[in-house]
């Protein structure tokens, strides 16, 4: 009986390990897909913008070095669809459009911001709500 218990425990441990490895990889919403490391040392820099429970982004203005990224965290009770300005084309900083739709509690990181410039962002579904708008300045290395 003791041998059978150990075999069952070992099988359970193997199954749990396989599930943990399969579920925890790079496909999570916070891991950007594609893109390069950018130029200069900014490729490893990520700044965070949080959508608070009050439905407002904080901070509304951030600076990121060329090649850096921006992570949006949704702590609001409703979903938000974050995108680059201008609405509805979203072409100022296309890397921001990788963030897209965020359910409550979800976060996602943009692609690398490689062009030195200042771009605006907004919630695509609420484009005129100032509390959900902001600016990202990409600086040269």
N, C-alpha and C. Protein backbone atom coordinates (compact mmCIF):
# COMPACT_ATOMS: atom_id res chain seq x y z
N UNK A 1 0.81 -1.19 0.00
CA UNK A 1 0.00 0.00 0.00
C UNK A 1 0.86 1.26 0.00
N UNK A 2 1.96 1.23 0.75
CA UNK A 2 2.85 2.37 0.82
C UNK A 2 3.45 2.68 -0.55
N UNK A 3 3.84 1.69 -1.32
CA UNK A 3 4.41 1.88 -2.65
C UNK A 3 3.38 2.53 -3.58
N UNK A 4 2.17 2.10 -3.48
CA UNK A 4 1.11 2.66 -4.31
C UNK A 4 0.87 4.14 -3.96
N UNK A 5 0.94 4.52 -2.72
CA UNK A 5 0.75 5.91 -2.29
C UNK A 5 1.87 6.79 -2.84
N UNK A 6 3.10 6.30 -2.76
CA UNK A 6 4.23 7.06 -3.30
C UNK A 6 4.11 7.25 -4.81
N UNK A 7 3.70 6.21 -5.51
CA UNK A 7 3.53 6.30 -6.96
C UNK A 7 2.45 7.31 -7.31
N UNK A 8 1.35 7.30 -6.56
CA UNK A 8 0.28 8.26 -6.80
C UNK A 8 0.72 9.68 -6.53
N UNK A 9 1.49 9.87 -5.46
CA UNK A 9 2.00 11.21 -5.12
C UNK A 9 2.97 11.69 -6.19
N UNK A 10 3.80 10.78 -6.68
CA UNK A 10 4.75 11.15 -7.73
C UNK A 10 4.02 11.56 -9.01
N UNK A 11 3.00 10.83 -9.36
CA UNK A 11 2.22 11.15 -10.56
C UNK A 11 1.54 12.50 -10.41
N UNK A 12 1.01 12.78 -9.23
CA UNK A 12 0.37 14.07 -8.98
C UNK A 12 1.38 15.20 -9.08
N UNK A 13 2.58 14.99 -8.53
CA UNK A 13 3.63 16.00 -8.59
C UNK A 13 4.05 16.27 -10.03
N UNK A 14 4.20 15.23 -10.83
CA UNK A 14 4.57 15.40 -12.24
C UNK A 14 3.48 16.16 -12.98
N UNK A 15 2.24 15.81 -12.76
CA UNK A 15 1.13 16.49 -13.44
C UNK A 15 1.08 17.97 -13.05
N UNK A 16 1.27 18.26 -11.77
CA UNK A 16 1.24 19.65 -11.31
C UNK A 16 2.40 20.45 -11.91
N UNK A 17 3.56 19.83 -12.02
CA UNK A 17 4.72 20.50 -12.60
C UNK A 17 4.49 20.80 -14.07
N UNK A 18 3.96 19.85 -14.82
CA UNK A 18 3.68 20.05 -16.24
C UNK A 18 2.67 21.17 -16.43
N UNK A 19 1.64 21.20 -15.61
CA UNK A 19 0.64 22.26 -15.72
C UNK A 19 1.24 23.62 -15.40
N UNK A 20 2.08 23.70 -14.37
CA UNK A 20 2.69 24.98 -14.00
C UNK A 20 3.59 25.51 -15.11
N UNK A 21 4.36 24.62 -15.72
CA UNK A 21 5.24 25.04 -16.81
C UNK A 21 4.41 25.48 -18.01
N UNK A 22 3.38 24.75 -18.34
CA UNK A 22 2.54 25.07 -19.50
C UNK A 22 1.75 26.34 -19.33
N UNK A 23 1.38 26.69 -18.11
CA UNK A 23 0.52 27.85 -17.88
C UNK A 23 1.30 29.12 -17.57
N UNK A 24 2.57 29.04 -17.28
CA UNK A 24 3.25 30.23 -16.80
C UNK A 24 4.22 30.85 -17.77
N UNK A 25 4.20 30.51 -19.02
CA UNK A 25 5.21 30.96 -19.95
C UNK A 25 5.04 32.36 -20.47
N UNK A 26 5.71 32.66 -21.57
CA UNK A 26 5.76 33.99 -22.13
C UNK A 26 4.51 34.45 -22.82
N UNK A 27 3.44 33.69 -22.81
CA UNK A 27 2.23 34.11 -23.49
C UNK A 27 1.31 34.95 -22.63
N UNK A 28 1.76 35.38 -21.46
CA UNK A 28 0.91 36.16 -20.57
C UNK A 28 0.69 37.54 -21.15
N UNK A 29 -0.40 38.22 -20.74
CA UNK A 29 -0.71 39.53 -21.30
C UNK A 29 0.36 40.58 -21.02
N UNK A 30 1.17 40.40 -19.98
CA UNK A 30 2.16 41.42 -19.66
C UNK A 30 3.43 41.28 -20.48
N UNK A 31 3.56 40.22 -21.25
CA UNK A 31 4.74 40.01 -22.06
C UNK A 31 4.46 40.44 -23.49
N UNK A 32 5.20 41.46 -24.00
CA UNK A 32 4.96 41.87 -25.37
C UNK A 32 5.46 40.81 -26.33
N UNK A 33 4.81 40.74 -27.47
CA UNK A 33 5.26 39.79 -28.48
C UNK A 33 5.88 40.56 -29.62
N UNK A 34 6.88 39.94 -30.21
CA UNK A 34 7.53 40.58 -31.35
C UNK A 34 8.36 41.77 -30.93
N UNK A 35 8.82 42.52 -31.90
CA UNK A 35 9.60 43.71 -31.62
C UNK A 35 11.05 43.37 -31.33
N UNK A 36 11.87 44.39 -31.37
CA UNK A 36 13.28 44.20 -31.08
C UNK A 36 13.62 44.91 -29.81
N UNK A 37 14.82 44.80 -29.39
CA UNK A 37 15.27 45.45 -28.17
C UNK A 37 15.40 46.94 -28.33
N UNK A 38 15.16 47.47 -29.51
CA UNK A 38 15.27 48.91 -29.72
C UNK A 38 16.72 49.32 -29.83
N UNK A 39 16.94 50.63 -29.93
CA UNK A 39 18.30 51.12 -30.02
C UNK A 39 18.73 51.65 -28.67
N UNK A 40 20.00 51.69 -28.44
CA UNK A 40 20.51 52.20 -27.18
C UNK A 40 20.12 51.30 -26.02
N UNK A 41 20.22 51.85 -24.81
CA UNK A 41 19.92 51.05 -23.62
C UNK A 41 18.46 51.11 -23.25
N UNK A 42 17.63 51.86 -23.98
CA UNK A 42 16.22 52.01 -23.64
C UNK A 42 15.41 50.75 -23.85
N UNK A 43 15.95 49.76 -24.60
CA UNK A 43 15.22 48.54 -24.89
C UNK A 43 14.79 47.78 -23.65
N UNK A 44 15.48 48.00 -22.53
CA UNK A 44 15.13 47.29 -21.31
C UNK A 44 14.30 48.13 -20.36
N UNK A 45 13.98 49.35 -20.73
CA UNK A 45 13.25 50.25 -19.85
C UNK A 45 11.76 50.15 -20.09
N UNK A 46 11.01 49.96 -19.00
CA UNK A 46 9.56 49.94 -19.08
C UNK A 46 9.01 50.86 -18.00
N UNK A 47 8.12 51.76 -18.39
CA UNK A 47 7.43 52.60 -17.42
C UNK A 47 5.99 52.12 -17.32
N UNK A 48 5.36 52.39 -16.19
CA UNK A 48 4.01 51.88 -15.95
C UNK A 48 3.01 53.02 -15.82
N UNK A 49 1.88 52.84 -16.47
CA UNK A 49 0.73 53.75 -16.34
C UNK A 49 -0.41 52.90 -15.81
N UNK A 50 -1.02 53.37 -14.73
CA UNK A 50 -2.10 52.61 -14.09
C UNK A 50 -3.44 53.30 -14.31
N UNK A 51 -4.43 52.51 -14.68
CA UNK A 51 -5.81 53.00 -14.73
C UNK A 51 -6.39 52.66 -13.37
N UNK A 52 -6.67 53.67 -12.58
CA UNK A 52 -7.11 53.46 -11.21
C UNK A 52 -8.58 53.11 -11.10
N UNK A 53 -8.99 52.79 -9.88
CA UNK A 53 -10.39 52.44 -9.63
C UNK A 53 -11.31 53.63 -9.85
N UNK A 54 -10.73 54.83 -9.95
CA UNK A 54 -11.49 56.04 -10.25
C UNK A 54 -11.67 56.25 -11.75
N UNK A 55 -11.13 55.33 -12.58
CA UNK A 55 -11.28 55.44 -14.03
C UNK A 55 -10.35 56.46 -14.66
N UNK A 56 -9.23 56.77 -14.00
CA UNK A 56 -8.28 57.74 -14.53
C UNK A 56 -6.89 57.13 -14.61
N UNK A 57 -6.12 57.56 -15.63
CA UNK A 57 -4.75 57.09 -15.76
C UNK A 57 -3.82 57.89 -14.86
N UNK A 58 -2.80 57.21 -14.35
CA UNK A 58 -1.81 57.87 -13.51
C UNK A 58 -0.48 57.17 -13.69
N UNK A 59 0.55 57.91 -14.00
CA UNK A 59 0.55 59.33 -14.33
C UNK A 59 0.02 59.57 -15.74
N UNK A 60 -0.36 60.80 -16.01
CA UNK A 60 -0.88 61.12 -17.34
C UNK A 60 0.24 61.46 -18.31
N UNK A 61 1.41 61.77 -17.80
CA UNK A 61 2.55 62.09 -18.63
C UNK A 61 3.75 61.27 -18.16
N UNK A 62 4.39 60.56 -19.09
CA UNK A 62 5.59 59.79 -18.76
C UNK A 62 6.64 60.03 -19.83
N UNK A 63 7.89 59.74 -19.45
CA UNK A 63 9.00 59.82 -20.38
C UNK A 63 9.67 58.46 -20.41
N UNK A 64 9.98 57.98 -21.60
CA UNK A 64 10.63 56.69 -21.78
C UNK A 64 11.77 56.88 -22.78
N UNK A 65 12.92 56.24 -22.52
CA UNK A 65 14.01 56.36 -23.49
C UNK A 65 13.68 55.61 -24.78
N UNK A 66 14.28 56.05 -25.86
CA UNK A 66 14.09 55.42 -27.16
C UNK A 66 14.34 53.92 -27.05
N UNK A 67 13.39 53.12 -27.55
CA UNK A 67 13.47 51.67 -27.47
C UNK A 67 12.74 51.11 -26.26
N UNK A 68 12.32 51.98 -25.34
CA UNK A 68 11.61 51.53 -24.14
C UNK A 68 10.17 51.16 -24.43
N UNK A 69 9.49 50.74 -23.39
CA UNK A 69 8.09 50.29 -23.51
C UNK A 69 7.26 50.90 -22.39
N UNK A 70 5.94 50.79 -22.55
CA UNK A 70 5.01 51.26 -21.53
C UNK A 70 4.06 50.13 -21.18
N UNK A 71 3.91 49.87 -19.89
CA UNK A 71 2.95 48.88 -19.41
C UNK A 71 1.74 49.60 -18.86
N UNK A 72 0.57 49.21 -19.33
CA UNK A 72 -0.68 49.73 -18.80
C UNK A 72 -1.27 48.68 -17.87
N UNK A 73 -1.66 49.10 -16.67
CA UNK A 73 -2.27 48.22 -15.68
C UNK A 73 -3.69 48.71 -15.44
N UNK A 74 -4.68 47.83 -15.59
CA UNK A 74 -6.07 48.22 -15.40
C UNK A 74 -6.57 47.80 -14.02
N UNK A 75 -6.60 48.76 -13.09
CA UNK A 75 -7.13 48.51 -11.75
C UNK A 75 -8.55 49.02 -11.61
N UNK A 76 -9.18 49.37 -12.73
CA UNK A 76 -10.57 49.83 -12.72
C UNK A 76 -11.49 48.62 -12.76
N UNK A 77 -12.76 48.85 -12.47
CA UNK A 77 -13.73 47.75 -12.47
C UNK A 77 -14.33 47.52 -13.86
N UNK A 78 -13.95 48.33 -14.83
CA UNK A 78 -14.44 48.14 -16.19
C UNK A 78 -13.27 47.99 -17.16
N UNK A 79 -13.54 47.42 -18.30
CA UNK A 79 -12.52 47.20 -19.32
C UNK A 79 -12.17 48.52 -20.01
N UNK A 80 -10.95 48.61 -20.53
CA UNK A 80 -10.50 49.77 -21.28
C UNK A 80 -9.73 49.29 -22.50
N UNK A 81 -9.77 50.07 -23.57
CA UNK A 81 -9.12 49.73 -24.83
C UNK A 81 -8.12 50.85 -25.15
N UNK A 82 -6.88 50.70 -24.68
CA UNK A 82 -5.89 51.77 -24.78
C UNK A 82 -5.22 51.76 -26.16
N UNK A 83 -5.09 52.98 -26.72
CA UNK A 83 -4.54 53.11 -28.06
C UNK A 83 -3.82 54.44 -28.21
N UNK A 84 -3.00 54.53 -29.24
CA UNK A 84 -2.29 55.75 -29.58
C UNK A 84 -3.25 56.79 -30.17
N UNK A 85 -2.92 58.05 -30.00
CA UNK A 85 -3.65 59.12 -30.69
C UNK A 85 -3.25 59.09 -32.17
N UNK A 86 -3.93 59.79 -33.03
CA UNK A 86 -5.25 60.38 -32.83
C UNK A 86 -6.36 59.35 -33.02
N UNK A 87 -7.48 59.64 -32.46
CA UNK A 87 -8.64 58.76 -32.60
C UNK A 87 -9.34 59.09 -33.92
N UNK A 88 -9.78 58.19 -34.71
CA UNK A 88 -9.77 56.75 -34.54
C UNK A 88 -8.63 56.04 -35.25
N UNK A 89 -7.69 56.79 -35.86
CA UNK A 89 -6.63 56.18 -36.67
C UNK A 89 -5.52 55.51 -35.88
N UNK A 90 -5.16 56.09 -34.73
CA UNK A 90 -4.15 55.53 -33.82
C UNK A 90 -2.78 55.37 -34.45
N UNK A 91 -2.35 56.34 -35.27
CA UNK A 91 -1.07 56.15 -35.95
C UNK A 91 0.12 56.92 -35.38
N UNK A 92 -0.05 57.74 -34.34
CA UNK A 92 1.08 58.49 -33.78
C UNK A 92 2.20 57.56 -33.30
N UNK A 93 1.89 56.63 -32.45
CA UNK A 93 2.87 55.67 -31.91
C UNK A 93 2.27 54.28 -32.02
N UNK A 94 2.40 53.63 -33.17
CA UNK A 94 1.77 52.32 -33.38
C UNK A 94 2.13 51.27 -32.33
N UNK A 95 3.30 51.38 -31.71
CA UNK A 95 3.69 50.39 -30.69
C UNK A 95 2.74 50.39 -29.50
N UNK A 96 2.08 51.52 -29.25
CA UNK A 96 1.11 51.59 -28.14
C UNK A 96 -0.13 50.76 -28.43
N UNK A 97 -0.44 50.57 -29.69
CA UNK A 97 -1.65 49.83 -30.06
C UNK A 97 -1.57 48.35 -29.70
N UNK A 98 -0.38 47.86 -29.35
CA UNK A 98 -0.24 46.48 -28.90
C UNK A 98 -0.87 46.27 -27.53
N UNK A 99 -1.11 47.35 -26.81
CA UNK A 99 -1.74 47.25 -25.48
C UNK A 99 -3.19 46.83 -25.67
N UNK A 100 -3.96 47.61 -26.42
CA UNK A 100 -5.33 47.24 -26.74
C UNK A 100 -6.25 47.06 -25.55
N UNK A 101 -7.09 46.03 -25.64
CA UNK A 101 -8.19 45.79 -24.70
C UNK A 101 -7.67 45.18 -23.39
N UNK A 102 -8.01 45.82 -22.28
CA UNK A 102 -7.60 45.35 -20.95
C UNK A 102 -8.82 45.13 -20.08
N UNK A 103 -9.04 43.92 -19.68
CA UNK A 103 -10.10 43.62 -18.71
C UNK A 103 -9.66 44.11 -17.33
N UNK A 104 -10.59 44.25 -16.39
CA UNK A 104 -10.20 44.62 -15.03
C UNK A 104 -9.16 43.64 -14.48
N UNK A 105 -8.11 44.21 -13.86
CA UNK A 105 -7.06 43.40 -13.28
C UNK A 105 -5.98 42.96 -14.25
N UNK A 106 -6.12 43.29 -15.52
CA UNK A 106 -5.17 42.85 -16.54
C UNK A 106 -4.14 43.95 -16.83
N UNK A 107 -2.97 43.54 -17.27
CA UNK A 107 -1.96 44.50 -17.72
C UNK A 107 -1.35 44.00 -19.01
N UNK A 108 -0.81 44.94 -19.78
CA UNK A 108 -0.19 44.57 -21.05
C UNK A 108 0.85 45.64 -21.38
N UNK A 109 1.91 45.22 -22.05
CA UNK A 109 3.01 46.11 -22.38
C UNK A 109 3.03 46.41 -23.87
N UNK A 110 3.34 47.67 -24.19
CA UNK A 110 3.44 48.10 -25.59
C UNK A 110 4.64 47.46 -26.26
N UNK A 111 4.72 47.68 -27.55
CA UNK A 111 5.94 47.33 -28.27
C UNK A 111 7.00 48.38 -27.98
N UNK A 112 8.18 48.22 -28.56
CA UNK A 112 9.25 49.18 -28.36
C UNK A 112 8.92 50.50 -29.05
N UNK A 113 9.09 51.59 -28.32
CA UNK A 113 8.87 52.93 -28.85
C UNK A 113 10.21 53.41 -29.39
N UNK A 114 10.38 53.35 -30.70
CA UNK A 114 11.68 53.58 -31.31
C UNK A 114 11.86 54.96 -31.92
N UNK A 115 10.77 55.70 -32.13
CA UNK A 115 10.86 57.02 -32.74
C UNK A 115 10.82 58.09 -31.66
N UNK A 116 11.81 58.99 -31.67
CA UNK A 116 11.86 60.08 -30.70
C UNK A 116 10.74 61.05 -31.04
N UNK A 117 9.81 61.21 -30.09
CA UNK A 117 8.64 62.06 -30.30
C UNK A 117 7.79 62.07 -29.05
N UNK A 118 6.72 62.84 -29.07
CA UNK A 118 5.71 62.80 -28.00
C UNK A 118 4.42 62.32 -28.64
N UNK A 119 3.82 61.31 -28.05
CA UNK A 119 2.56 60.78 -28.57
C UNK A 119 1.51 60.79 -27.47
N UNK A 120 0.30 60.98 -27.90
CA UNK A 120 -0.81 60.89 -26.97
C UNK A 120 -1.39 59.49 -26.98
N UNK A 121 -2.15 59.19 -25.91
CA UNK A 121 -2.88 57.93 -25.86
C UNK A 121 -4.25 58.20 -25.26
N UNK A 122 -5.16 57.26 -25.46
CA UNK A 122 -6.53 57.40 -24.98
C UNK A 122 -7.19 56.04 -24.94
N UNK A 123 -8.38 55.98 -24.32
CA UNK A 123 -9.21 54.78 -24.37
C UNK A 123 -10.03 54.88 -25.66
N UNK A 124 -9.85 53.94 -26.55
CA UNK A 124 -10.52 53.98 -27.84
C UNK A 124 -12.04 54.08 -27.70
N UNK A 125 -12.60 53.43 -26.71
CA UNK A 125 -14.06 53.44 -26.54
C UNK A 125 -14.57 54.69 -25.81
N UNK A 126 -13.66 55.44 -25.19
CA UNK A 126 -14.02 56.68 -24.50
C UNK A 126 -13.01 57.77 -24.88
N UNK A 127 -12.91 58.10 -26.17
CA UNK A 127 -11.83 58.96 -26.64
C UNK A 127 -11.87 60.40 -26.15
N UNK A 128 -13.00 60.86 -25.66
CA UNK A 128 -13.09 62.25 -25.20
C UNK A 128 -12.98 62.39 -23.68
N UNK A 129 -12.81 61.28 -22.98
CA UNK A 129 -12.68 61.33 -21.51
C UNK A 129 -11.24 61.71 -21.16
N UNK A 130 -11.05 62.94 -20.68
CA UNK A 130 -9.71 63.46 -20.38
C UNK A 130 -8.98 62.63 -19.33
N UNK A 131 -9.68 62.03 -18.41
CA UNK A 131 -9.05 61.22 -17.36
C UNK A 131 -8.38 59.97 -17.91
N UNK A 132 -8.74 59.59 -19.14
CA UNK A 132 -8.16 58.39 -19.76
C UNK A 132 -7.23 58.76 -20.93
N UNK A 133 -6.77 60.00 -20.93
CA UNK A 133 -5.85 60.48 -21.95
C UNK A 133 -4.52 60.83 -21.30
N UNK A 134 -3.46 60.76 -22.10
CA UNK A 134 -2.15 61.15 -21.58
C UNK A 134 -1.14 61.28 -22.69
N UNK A 135 0.12 61.53 -22.27
CA UNK A 135 1.20 61.74 -23.23
C UNK A 135 2.42 60.94 -22.83
N UNK A 136 3.07 60.41 -23.85
CA UNK A 136 4.31 59.65 -23.66
C UNK A 136 5.38 60.34 -24.49
N UNK A 137 6.46 60.77 -23.83
CA UNK A 137 7.56 61.38 -24.53
C UNK A 137 8.69 60.36 -24.65
N UNK A 138 9.10 60.10 -25.88
CA UNK A 138 10.19 59.18 -26.17
C UNK A 138 11.44 60.03 -26.41
N UNK A 139 12.47 59.83 -25.57
CA UNK A 139 13.67 60.65 -25.65
C UNK A 139 14.81 59.88 -26.29
N UNK A 140 15.73 60.63 -26.94
CA UNK A 140 16.90 60.05 -27.58
C UNK A 140 17.87 59.53 -26.53
N UNK A 141 18.60 58.50 -26.89
CA UNK A 141 19.62 57.92 -26.00
C UNK A 141 20.87 58.73 -26.03
